[in-house]
Amino acid sequence: MTENEPTPGTEIESSESSEIAANQGRQVLAKGSHGVGRVWNNSHLWRVMTLALIVVLGVQVVTTQPLKNFYSQTDPDTNGYVEPRDLGAIIEKLDASVLTIYCEINEEDSIQGTAWSFDYEGISDAGKSALMTNHHVIEDCISGGKLTLEDYWGETYDARLESYDDYNDLAIISTSHKIPPLTLASYPPSGGYWVMAYGTADGYSGSIATGNIINLDEFGDLMITANLSGGNSGGPLVDNEGNVFGVNTWSYNSEKANTQYNISVSLDSFCDKLLACDGDTYWDWDE
């Protein structure tokens, strides 16, 4: 027998091994198929799995519903007491619509305040921009002087006085430059509402102060906790959606009485002389 010649019986043994392995594979497959069948046909197991799914869904409902309720309750669209959801967007809007106003009496003397754009019939529809400010800001320019506006980015524009109400300390000016208008609040303010004052406080344009409405005084003006400084005069007081409640006008600070609050002239005062309102007030307080 040579070295390369197969040993007798090797082929038979290989055939038998292959057949045994195949049979074992069939047995494994049969067992596996039988196991899957038991799972599909096991009604008790399906009850357990269904119950588990119901429990999981129930837990999701229990945990997400309070979050939905909280989100709804803190919606600025329906709740004036909460903070804005996007304060940055409100500030961006104010940056574009609120300007610094200068009443230049002469080369050496000038008064600085704040003015903000709003839609005003007879000015806005004529292709110009109407702006609201305080009477005491432009008072010295009524019979002379020059009114100039400067936006947040330092661009300047000429302005002219259109009308004023010295009793309520309000004035309307105009400019030929198009300035996006702010929206006047369609609902009346209430004590505790979140508010923000925006203006050129102490010469710094884009100054921001937040607070709350303390109350309404006997004249219908708004007593607020938001800080006001020189230069804020004429700036807008806005709600948690950026809608205007009033015009920031003056501060009251008494060390003797240990009292400090600020006053914003409400939109109701606009109706005395400057705006044509349906009644004596801008808002319907009976609703």
C-alpha atoms as a PDB file:
ATOM      1  CA  MET A   1       0.000   0.000   0.000  1.00  0.00           C
ATOM      2  CA  THR A   2       1.397   3.435  -0.942  1.00  0.00           C
ATOM      3  CA  GLU A   3       1.343   6.478   1.331  1.00  0.00           C
ATOM      4  CA  ASN A   4      -1.268   8.346  -0.793  1.00  0.00           C
ATOM      5  CA  GLU A   5      -3.616   5.385  -1.060  1.00  0.00           C
ATOM      6  CA  PRO A   6      -6.733   5.884   1.175  1.00  0.00           C
ATOM      7  CA  THR A   7      -7.204   3.638   4.114  1.00  0.00           C
ATOM      8  CA  PRO A   8     -10.015   1.134   3.596  1.00  0.00           C
ATOM      9  CA  GLY A   9     -13.256   2.197   5.303  1.00  0.00           C
ATOM     10  CA  THR A  10     -12.492   5.996   5.418  1.00  0.00           C
ATOM     11  CA  GLU A  11     -15.121   6.939   2.844  1.00  0.00           C
ATOM     12  CA  ILE A  12     -17.765   4.907   4.663  1.00  0.00           C
ATOM     13  CA  GLU A  13     -16.913   6.557   7.974  1.00  0.00           C
ATOM     14  CA  SER A  14     -17.099  10.037   6.369  1.00  0.00           C
ATOM     15  CA  SER A  15     -20.488   9.282   4.862  1.00  0.00           C
ATOM     16  CA  GLU A  16     -21.806   8.067   8.176  1.00  0.00           C
ATOM     17  CA  SER A  17     -20.496  11.212   9.958  1.00  0.00           C
ATOM     18  CA  SER A  18     -22.165  13.477   7.397  1.00  0.00           C
ATOM     19  CA  GLU A  19     -25.476  11.679   7.791  1.00  0.00           C
ATOM     20  CA  ILE A  20     -25.287  11.903  11.602  1.00  0.00           C
ATOM     21  CA  ALA A  21     -24.524  15.655  11.421  1.00  0.00           C
ATOM     22  CA  ALA A  22     -27.413  16.222   9.029  1.00  0.00           C
ATOM     23  CA  ASN A  23     -29.792  14.339  11.312  1.00  0.00           C
ATOM     24  CA  GLN A  24     -28.620  16.386  14.298  1.00  0.00           C
ATOM     25  CA  GLY A  25     -29.166  19.596  12.307  1.00  0.00           C
ATOM     26  CA  ARG A  26     -32.700  18.477  11.427  1.00  0.00           C
ATOM     27  CA  GLN A  27     -33.348  17.729  15.075  1.00  0.00           C
ATOM     28  CA  VAL A  28     -32.104  21.210  16.087  1.00  0.00           C
ATOM     29  CA  LEU A  29     -34.258  22.847  13.444  1.00  0.00           C
ATOM     30  CA  ALA A  30     -37.205  20.784  14.506  1.00  0.00           C
ATOM     31  CA  LYS A  31     -36.702  21.788  18.113  1.00  0.00           C
ATOM     32  CA  GLY A  32     -36.364  25.466  17.130  1.00  0.00           C
ATOM     33  CA  SER A  33     -39.501  25.427  15.020  1.00  0.00           C
ATOM     34  CA  HIS A  34     -41.377  23.672  17.761  1.00  0.00           C
ATOM     35  CA  GLY A  35     -40.237  26.400  20.257  1.00  0.00           C
ATOM     36  CA  VAL A  36     -41.495  29.197  18.027  1.00  0.00           C
ATOM     37  CA  GLY A  37     -44.762  27.468  17.665  1.00  0.00           C
ATOM     38  CA  ARG A  38     -45.127  27.248  21.436  1.00  0.00           C
ATOM     39  CA  VAL A  39     -44.604  31.044  21.689  1.00  0.00           C
ATOM     40  CA  TRP A  40     -47.214  31.846  19.052  1.00  0.00           C
ATOM     41  CA  ASN A  41     -49.727  29.478  20.519  1.00  0.00           C
ATOM     42  CA  ASN A  42     -49.195  30.397  24.186  1.00  0.00           C
ATOM     43  CA  SER A  43     -52.216  32.545  25.065  1.00  0.00           C
ATOM     44  CA  HIS A  44     -51.030  33.078  28.640  1.00  0.00           C
ATOM     45  CA  LEU A  45     -47.770  34.597  27.398  1.00  0.00           C
ATOM     46  CA  TRP A  46     -49.670  36.909  25.060  1.00  0.00           C
ATOM     47  CA  ARG A  47     -51.833  38.108  27.954  1.00  0.00           C
ATOM     48  CA  VAL A  48     -48.706  38.962  29.937  1.00  0.00           C
ATOM     49  CA  MET A  49     -47.151  40.813  26.996  1.00  0.00           C
ATOM     50  CA  THR A  50     -50.383  42.753  26.347  1.00  0.00           C
ATOM     51  CA  LEU A  51     -50.658  43.716  29.993  1.00  0.00           C
ATOM     52  CA  ALA A  52     -47.045  44.889  29.991  1.00  0.00           C
ATOM     53  CA  LEU A  53     -47.714  47.061  26.922  1.00  0.00           C
ATOM     54  CA  ILE A  54     -50.771  48.601  28.581  1.00  0.00           C
ATOM     55  CA  VAL A  55     -48.723  49.386  31.689  1.00  0.00           C
ATOM     56  CA  VAL A  56     -45.994  51.051  29.609  1.00  0.00           C
ATOM     57  CA  LEU A  57     -48.522  53.188  27.726  1.00  0.00           C
ATOM     58  CA  GLY A  58     -50.226  54.108  30.978  1.00  0.00           C
ATOM     59  CA  VAL A  59     -46.963  55.236  32.503  1.00  0.00           C
ATOM     60  CA  GLN A  60     -46.286  57.411  29.453  1.00  0.00           C
ATOM     61  CA  VAL A  61     -49.695  59.061  29.760  1.00  0.00           C
ATOM     62  CA  VAL A  62     -49.265  59.677  33.475  1.00  0.00           C
ATOM     63  CA  THR A  63     -45.817  61.220  33.048  1.00  0.00           C
ATOM     64  CA  THR A  64     -46.458  63.307  29.903  1.00  0.00           C
ATOM     65  CA  GLN A  65     -49.890  64.728  30.760  1.00  0.00           C
ATOM     66  CA  PRO A  66     -48.583  66.915  33.622  1.00  0.00           C
ATOM     67  CA  LEU A  67     -45.913  68.256  31.266  1.00  0.00           C
ATOM     68  CA  LYS A  68     -48.582  69.119  28.699  1.00  0.00           C
ATOM     69  CA  ASN A  69     -50.665  70.818  31.389  1.00  0.00           C
ATOM     70  CA  PHE A  70     -47.658  72.790  32.610  1.00  0.00           C
ATOM     71  CA  TYR A  71     -46.793  73.870  29.058  1.00  0.00           C
ATOM     72  CA  SER A  72     -50.373  75.041  28.515  1.00  0.00           C
ATOM     73  CA  GLN A  73     -50.525  76.904  31.820  1.00  0.00           C
ATOM     74  CA  THR A  74     -47.264  78.748  31.103  1.00  0.00           C
ATOM     75  CA  ASP A  75     -48.265  79.870  27.603  1.00  0.00           C
ATOM     76  CA  PRO A  76     -47.757  83.686  27.335  1.00  0.00           C
ATOM     77  CA  ASP A  77     -50.559  83.778  24.771  1.00  0.00           C
ATOM     78  CA  THR A  78     -53.080  83.032  27.525  1.00  0.00           C
ATOM     79  CA  ASN A  79     -51.188  83.867  30.731  1.00  0.00           C
ATOM     80  CA  GLY A  80     -49.861  87.370  31.362  1.00  0.00           C
ATOM     81  CA  TYR A  81     -48.146  86.409  34.606  1.00  0.00           C
ATOM     82  CA  VAL A  82     -45.476  84.123  33.152  1.00  0.00           C
ATOM     83  CA  GLU A  83     -42.129  84.982  31.618  1.00  0.00           C
ATOM     84  CA  PRO A  84     -41.688  84.934  27.816  1.00  0.00           C
ATOM     85  CA  ARG A  85     -40.754  81.678  26.135  1.00  0.00           C
ATOM     86  CA  ASP A  86     -38.446  83.490  23.712  1.00  0.00           C
ATOM     87  CA  LEU A  87     -37.129  86.668  25.301  1.00  0.00           C
ATOM     88  CA  GLY A  88     -34.444  86.948  22.638  1.00  0.00           C
ATOM     89  CA  ALA A  89     -37.035  87.238  19.876  1.00  0.00           C
ATOM     90  CA  ILE A  90     -38.823  90.035  21.757  1.00  0.00           C
ATOM     91  CA  ILE A  91     -35.563  91.928  22.265  1.00  0.00           C
ATOM     92  CA  GLU A  92     -34.703  91.610  18.568  1.00  0.00           C
ATOM     93  CA  LYS A  93     -38.092  93.080  17.675  1.00  0.00           C
ATOM     94  CA  LEU A  94     -37.588  95.985  20.083  1.00  0.00           C
ATOM     95  CA  ASP A  95     -34.066  96.618  18.771  1.00  0.00           C
ATOM     96  CA  ALA A  96     -35.572  97.347  15.352  1.00  0.00           C
ATOM     97  CA  SER A  97     -38.603  99.363  16.508  1.00  0.00           C
ATOM     98  CA  VAL A  98     -37.295 101.490  19.396  1.00  0.00           C
ATOM     99  CA  LEU A  99     -35.003 104.487  18.820  1.00  0.00           C
ATOM    100  CA  THR A 100     -33.203 107.151  20.796  1.00  0.00           C
ATOM    101  CA  ILE A 101     -34.667 110.627  20.294  1.00  0.00           C
ATOM    102  CA  TYR A 102     -32.732 113.875  20.709  1.00  0.00           C
ATOM    103  CA  CYS A 103     -34.263 117.303  21.144  1.00  0.00           C
ATOM    104  CA  GLU A 104     -31.395 119.606  20.168  1.00  0.00           C
ATOM    105  CA  ILE A 105     -32.175 123.007  21.643  1.00  0.00           C
ATOM    106  CA  ASN A 106     -28.919 124.586  20.533  1.00  0.00           C
ATOM    107  CA  GLU A 107     -25.343 123.534  19.854  1.00  0.00           C
ATOM    108  CA  GLU A 108     -24.667 122.976  23.531  1.00  0.00           C
ATOM    109  CA  ASP A 109     -27.971 121.798  24.996  1.00  0.00           C
ATOM    110  CA  SER A 110     -30.041 118.755  24.108  1.00  0.00           C
ATOM    111  CA  ILE A 111     -32.485 116.369  25.766  1.00  0.00           C
ATOM    112  CA  GLN A 112     -32.387 112.633  25.149  1.00  0.00           C
ATOM    113  CA  GLY A 113     -35.205 110.132  25.494  1.00  0.00           C
ATOM    114  CA  THR A 114     -36.724 107.105  23.794  1.00  0.00           C
ATOM    115  CA  ALA A 115     -39.354 106.704  21.059  1.00  0.00           C
ATOM    116  CA  TRP A 116     -41.013 103.651  19.505  1.00  0.00           C
ATOM    117  CA  SER A 117     -42.783 102.989  16.236  1.00  0.00           C
ATOM    118  CA  PHE A 118     -46.467 102.091  15.970  1.00  0.00           C
ATOM    119  CA  ASP A 119     -49.199 102.144  13.324  1.00  0.00           C
ATOM    120  CA  TYR A 120     -50.940 105.517  13.266  1.00  0.00           C
ATOM    121  CA  GLU A 121     -53.573 106.526  10.739  1.00  0.00           C
ATOM    122  CA  GLY A 122     -52.560 109.484   8.609  1.00  0.00           C
ATOM    123  CA  ILE A 123     -48.824 108.852   9.047  1.00  0.00           C
ATOM    124  CA  SER A 124     -48.190 105.147   8.574  1.00  0.00           C
ATOM    125  CA  ASP A 125     -50.534 104.923   5.579  1.00  0.00           C
ATOM    126  CA  ALA A 126     -48.696 107.860   4.001  1.00  0.00           C
ATOM    127  CA  GLY A 127     -45.473 105.865   3.789  1.00  0.00           C
ATOM    128  CA  LYS A 128     -43.890 107.350   6.901  1.00  0.00           C
ATOM    129  CA  SER A 129     -43.306 106.017  10.407  1.00  0.00           C
ATOM    130  CA  ALA A 130     -45.114 107.298  13.500  1.00  0.00           C
ATOM    131  CA  LEU A 131     -43.381 107.115  16.869  1.00  0.00           C
ATOM    132  CA  MET A 132     -44.601 107.666  20.422  1.00  0.00           C
ATOM    133  CA  THR A 133     -42.554 109.386  23.122  1.00  0.00           C
ATOM    134  CA  ASN A 134     -43.048 111.623  26.167  1.00  0.00           C
ATOM    135  CA  HIS A 135     -44.050 115.254  25.904  1.00  0.00           C
ATOM    136  CA  HIS A 136     -41.335 116.325  28.350  1.00  0.00           C
ATOM    137  CA  VAL A 137     -38.698 114.836  26.009  1.00  0.00           C
ATOM    138  CA  ILE A 138     -39.642 117.064  23.055  1.00  0.00           C
ATOM    139  CA  GLU A 139     -41.134 120.015  24.934  1.00  0.00           C
ATOM    140  CA  ASP A 140     -38.203 122.350  24.285  1.00  0.00           C
ATOM    141  CA  CYS A 141     -38.358 121.618  20.569  1.00  0.00           C
ATOM    142  CA  ILE A 142     -42.005 122.583  20.075  1.00  0.00           C
ATOM    143  CA  SER A 143     -41.252 126.169  19.148  1.00  0.00           C
ATOM    144  CA  GLY A 144     -37.695 125.599  17.924  1.00  0.00           C
ATOM    145  CA  GLY A 145     -34.786 123.224  18.011  1.00  0.00           C
ATOM    146  CA  LYS A 146     -34.314 120.025  16.049  1.00  0.00           C
ATOM    147  CA  LEU A 147     -35.580 116.481  16.556  1.00  0.00           C
ATOM    148  CA  THR A 148     -33.277 113.630  15.581  1.00  0.00           C
ATOM    149  CA  LEU A 149     -33.707 109.864  15.837  1.00  0.00           C
ATOM    150  CA  GLU A 150     -30.918 107.309  16.232  1.00  0.00           C
ATOM    151  CA  ASP A 151     -31.548 103.598  15.840  1.00  0.00           C
ATOM    152  CA  TYR A 152     -29.925 100.733  17.733  1.00  0.00           C
ATOM    153  CA  TRP A 153     -27.158 100.452  15.118  1.00  0.00           C
ATOM    154  CA  GLY A 154     -26.249 104.157  15.164  1.00  0.00           C
ATOM    155  CA  GLU A 155     -28.039 105.339  12.020  1.00  0.00           C
ATOM    156  CA  THR A 156     -29.657 108.778  12.404  1.00  0.00           C
ATOM    157  CA  TYR A 157     -32.835 110.224  10.858  1.00  0.00           C
ATOM    158  CA  ASP A 158     -34.581 113.576  10.925  1.00  0.00           C
ATOM    159  CA  ALA A 159     -37.933 113.709  12.708  1.00  0.00           C
ATOM    160  CA  ARG A 160     -40.792 116.154  13.110  1.00  0.00           C
ATOM    161  CA  LEU A 161     -43.397 116.722  15.778  1.00  0.00           C
ATOM    162  CA  GLU A 162     -46.933 115.750  14.728  1.00  0.00           C
ATOM    163  CA  SER A 163     -49.053 116.197  17.866  1.00  0.00           C
ATOM    164  CA  TYR A 164     -48.799 116.094  21.642  1.00  0.00           C
ATOM    165  CA  ASP A 165     -50.783 115.821  24.868  1.00  0.00           C
ATOM    166  CA  ASP A 166     -49.010 117.703  27.616  1.00  0.00           C
ATOM    167  CA  TYR A 167     -51.503 116.630  30.297  1.00  0.00           C
ATOM    168  CA  ASN A 168     -50.760 112.916  29.795  1.00  0.00           C
ATOM    169  CA  ASP A 169     -47.127 113.636  28.860  1.00  0.00           C
ATOM    170  CA  LEU A 170     -47.359 112.065  25.414  1.00  0.00           C
ATOM    171  CA  ALA A 171     -46.208 113.116  21.955  1.00  0.00           C
ATOM    172  CA  ILE A 172     -46.260 111.686  18.434  1.00  0.00           C
ATOM    173  CA  ILE A 173     -43.410 112.325  16.005  1.00  0.00           C
ATOM    174  CA  SER A 174     -42.779 111.082  12.481  1.00  0.00           C
ATOM    175  CA  THR A 175     -39.920 110.246  10.164  1.00  0.00           C
ATOM    176  CA  SER A 176     -39.711 109.351   6.481  1.00  0.00           C
ATOM    177  CA  HIS A 177     -37.558 106.315   7.321  1.00  0.00           C
ATOM    178  CA  LYS A 178     -39.544 103.076   7.561  1.00  0.00           C
ATOM    179  CA  ILE A 179     -39.359 101.587  11.043  1.00  0.00           C
ATOM    180  CA  PRO A 180     -41.221  98.338  11.861  1.00  0.00           C
ATOM    181  CA  PRO A 181     -44.121  99.108  14.221  1.00  0.00           C
ATOM    182  CA  LEU A 182     -44.787  97.462  17.556  1.00  0.00           C
ATOM    183  CA  THR A 183     -48.198  95.970  18.340  1.00  0.00           C
ATOM    184  CA  LEU A 184     -50.433  97.549  20.982  1.00  0.00           C
ATOM    185  CA  ALA A 185     -51.707  95.041  23.537  1.00  0.00           C
ATOM    186  CA  SER A 186     -55.289  94.047  22.765  1.00  0.00           C
ATOM    187  CA  TYR A 187     -56.116  93.086  26.354  1.00  0.00           C
ATOM    188  CA  PRO A 188     -55.896  95.214  29.523  1.00  0.00           C
ATOM    189  CA  PRO A 189     -53.036  94.823  32.003  1.00  0.00           C
ATOM    190  CA  SER A 190     -53.455  93.440  35.489  1.00  0.00           C
ATOM    191  CA  GLY A 191     -51.507  93.502  38.736  1.00  0.00           C
ATOM    192  CA  GLY A 192     -48.770  90.874  38.754  1.00  0.00           C
ATOM    193  CA  TYR A 193     -48.355  90.692  34.971  1.00  0.00           C
ATOM    194  CA  TRP A 194     -44.783  90.254  33.693  1.00  0.00           C
ATOM    195  CA  VAL A 195     -43.500  93.387  31.900  1.00  0.00           C
ATOM    196  CA  MET A 196     -40.295  94.707  30.369  1.00  0.00           C
ATOM    197  CA  ALA A 197     -39.107  98.289  29.946  1.00  0.00           C
ATOM    198  CA  TYR A 198     -36.901  98.991  26.943  1.00  0.00           C
ATOM    199  CA  GLY A 199     -35.093 102.205  26.100  1.00  0.00           C
ATOM    200  CA  THR A 200     -31.954 104.315  26.204  1.00  0.00           C
ATOM    201  CA  ALA A 201     -31.337 104.326  29.960  1.00  0.00           C
ATOM    202  CA  ASP A 202     -28.637 106.856  30.892  1.00  0.00           C
ATOM    203  CA  GLY A 203     -27.609 107.033  27.234  1.00  0.00           C
ATOM    204  CA  TYR A 204     -27.219 103.280  26.720  1.00  0.00           C
ATOM    205  CA  SER A 205     -29.480 102.239  23.851  1.00  0.00           C
ATOM    206  CA  GLY A 206     -31.108  98.835  24.059  1.00  0.00           C
ATOM    207  CA  SER A 207     -31.286  98.881  27.867  1.00  0.00           C
ATOM    208  CA  ILE A 208     -33.639  96.294  29.339  1.00  0.00           C
ATOM    209  CA  ALA A 209     -35.342  96.031  32.733  1.00  0.00           C
ATOM    210  CA  THR A 210     -37.934  93.416  33.661  1.00  0.00           C
ATOM    211  CA  GLY A 211     -40.447  93.342  36.478  1.00  0.00           C
ATOM    212  CA  ASN A 212     -44.144  93.191  37.211  1.00  0.00           C
ATOM    213  CA  ILE A 213     -47.149  95.467  37.309  1.00  0.00           C
ATOM    214  CA  ILE A 214     -47.742  96.458  40.923  1.00  0.00           C
ATOM    215  CA  ASN A 215     -51.114  98.061  40.327  1.00  0.00           C
ATOM    216  CA  LEU A 216     -52.984 100.711  38.396  1.00  0.00           C
ATOM    217  CA  ASP A 217     -53.119 104.146  39.989  1.00  0.00           C
ATOM    218  CA  GLU A 218     -56.171 106.427  40.151  1.00  0.00           C
ATOM    219  CA  PHE A 219     -55.328 107.880  36.731  1.00  0.00           C
ATOM    220  CA  GLY A 220     -55.185 104.486  35.035  1.00  0.00           C
ATOM    221  CA  ASP A 221     -51.405 104.561  34.771  1.00  0.00           C
ATOM    222  CA  LEU A 222     -49.305 101.486  35.500  1.00  0.00           C
ATOM    223  CA  MET A 223     -47.187 101.208  38.633  1.00  0.00           C
ATOM    224  CA  ILE A 224     -44.312  98.850  37.825  1.00  0.00           C
ATOM    225  CA  THR A 225     -41.238  97.315  39.463  1.00  0.00           C
ATOM    226  CA  ALA A 226     -39.101  97.419  36.291  1.00  0.00           C
ATOM    227  CA  ASN A 227     -36.288  99.937  36.840  1.00  0.00           C
ATOM    228  CA  LEU A 228     -36.381 103.206  34.889  1.00  0.00           C
ATOM    229  CA  SER A 229     -33.512 105.686  34.514  1.00  0.00           C
ATOM    230  CA  GLY A 230     -32.959 108.992  32.788  1.00  0.00           C
ATOM    231  CA  GLY A 231     -33.275 108.412  29.050  1.00  0.00           C
ATOM    232  CA  ASN A 232     -35.932 105.697  29.444  1.00  0.00           C
ATOM    233  CA  SER A 233     -38.626 108.371  29.099  1.00  0.00           C
ATOM    234  CA  GLY A 234     -40.870 107.645  26.137  1.00  0.00           C
ATOM    235  CA  GLY A 235     -39.850 103.993  25.793  1.00  0.00           C
ATOM    236  CA  PRO A 236     -42.340 101.138  25.548  1.00  0.00           C
ATOM    237  CA  LEU A 237     -43.499  98.915  28.382  1.00  0.00           C
ATOM    238  CA  VAL A 238     -44.206  95.520  26.801  1.00  0.00           C
ATOM    239  CA  ASP A 239     -45.845  92.292  27.923  1.00  0.00           C
ATOM    240  CA  ASN A 240     -44.475  88.741  27.698  1.00  0.00           C
ATOM    241  CA  GLU A 241     -45.149  88.654  23.953  1.00  0.00           C
ATOM    242  CA  GLY A 242     -43.680  92.057  23.104  1.00  0.00           C
ATOM    243  CA  ASN A 243     -47.014  93.909  22.878  1.00  0.00           C
ATOM    244  CA  VAL A 244     -47.104  97.459  24.249  1.00  0.00           C
ATOM    245  CA  PHE A 245     -48.960  98.237  27.485  1.00  0.00           C
ATOM    246  CA  GLY A 246     -47.784 101.822  27.902  1.00  0.00           C
ATOM    247  CA  VAL A 247     -45.105 104.515  27.774  1.00  0.00           C
ATOM    248  CA  ASN A 248     -42.418 104.596  30.476  1.00  0.00           C
ATOM    249  CA  THR A 249     -42.589 108.079  31.962  1.00  0.00           C
ATOM    250  CA  TRP A 250     -41.189 108.681  35.442  1.00  0.00           C
ATOM    251  CA  SER A 251     -39.851 107.169  38.642  1.00  0.00           C
ATOM    252  CA  TYR A 252     -40.874 107.659  42.240  1.00  0.00           C
ATOM    253  CA  ASN A 253     -38.163 107.130  44.808  1.00  0.00           C
ATOM    254  CA  SER A 254     -38.629 108.257  48.413  1.00  0.00           C
ATOM    255  CA  GLU A 255     -35.947 107.282  50.922  1.00  0.00           C
ATOM    256  CA  LYS A 256     -38.037 108.796  53.691  1.00  0.00           C
ATOM    257  CA  ALA A 257     -41.029 106.635  52.865  1.00  0.00           C
ATOM    258  CA  ASN A 258     -38.819 103.715  51.797  1.00  0.00           C
ATOM    259  CA  THR A 259     -40.794 103.533  48.564  1.00  0.00           C
ATOM    260  CA  GLN A 260     -39.649 103.006  45.005  1.00  0.00           C
ATOM    261  CA  TYR A 261     -41.713 102.323  41.937  1.00  0.00           C
ATOM    262  CA  ASN A 262     -42.012 103.572  38.386  1.00  0.00           C
ATOM    263  CA  ILE A 263     -44.875 104.820  36.244  1.00  0.00           C
ATOM    264  CA  SER A 264     -45.821 103.890  32.703  1.00  0.00           C
ATOM    265  CA  VAL A 265     -48.642 105.859  31.050  1.00  0.00           C
ATOM    266  CA  SER A 266     -51.122 103.247  29.830  1.00  0.00           C
ATOM    267  CA  LEU A 267     -52.727 103.058  26.408  1.00  0.00           C
ATOM    268  CA  ASP A 268     -55.969 104.346  27.930  1.00  0.00           C
ATOM    269  CA  SER A 269     -54.376 107.813  28.144  1.00  0.00           C
ATOM    270  CA  PHE A 270     -53.814 107.767  24.364  1.00  0.00           C
ATOM    271  CA  CYS A 271     -57.569 108.146  23.922  1.00  0.00           C
ATOM    272  CA  ASP A 272     -57.781 111.542  25.635  1.00  0.00           C
ATOM    273  CA  LYS A 273     -56.304 113.372  22.691  1.00  0.00           C
ATOM    274  CA  LEU A 274     -54.025 111.365  20.419  1.00  0.00           C
ATOM    275  CA  LEU A 275     -56.004 108.281  19.369  1.00  0.00           C
ATOM    276  CA  ALA A 276     -59.579 107.910  18.138  1.00  0.00           C
ATOM    277  CA  CYS A 277     -60.919 105.205  20.449  1.00  0.00           C
ATOM    278  CA  ASP A 278     -64.367 103.603  20.597  1.00  0.00           C
ATOM    279  CA  GLY A 279     -64.869 104.930  24.129  1.00  0.00           C
ATOM    280  CA  ASP A 280     -63.055 106.844  26.827  1.00  0.00           C
ATOM    281  CA  THR A 281     -60.484 104.066  27.215  1.00  0.00           C
ATOM    282  CA  TYR A 282     -58.395 102.011  24.839  1.00  0.00           C
ATOM    283  CA  TRP A 283     -59.283  98.719  26.529  1.00  0.00           C
ATOM    284  CA  ASP A 284     -62.737  97.413  27.301  1.00  0.00           C
ATOM    285  CA  TRP A 285     -62.530  96.863  31.058  1.00  0.00           C
ATOM    286  CA  ASP A 286     -65.991  95.286  31.219  1.00  0.00           C
ATOM    287  CA  GLU A 287     -65.006  92.161  29.301  1.00  0.00           C
END
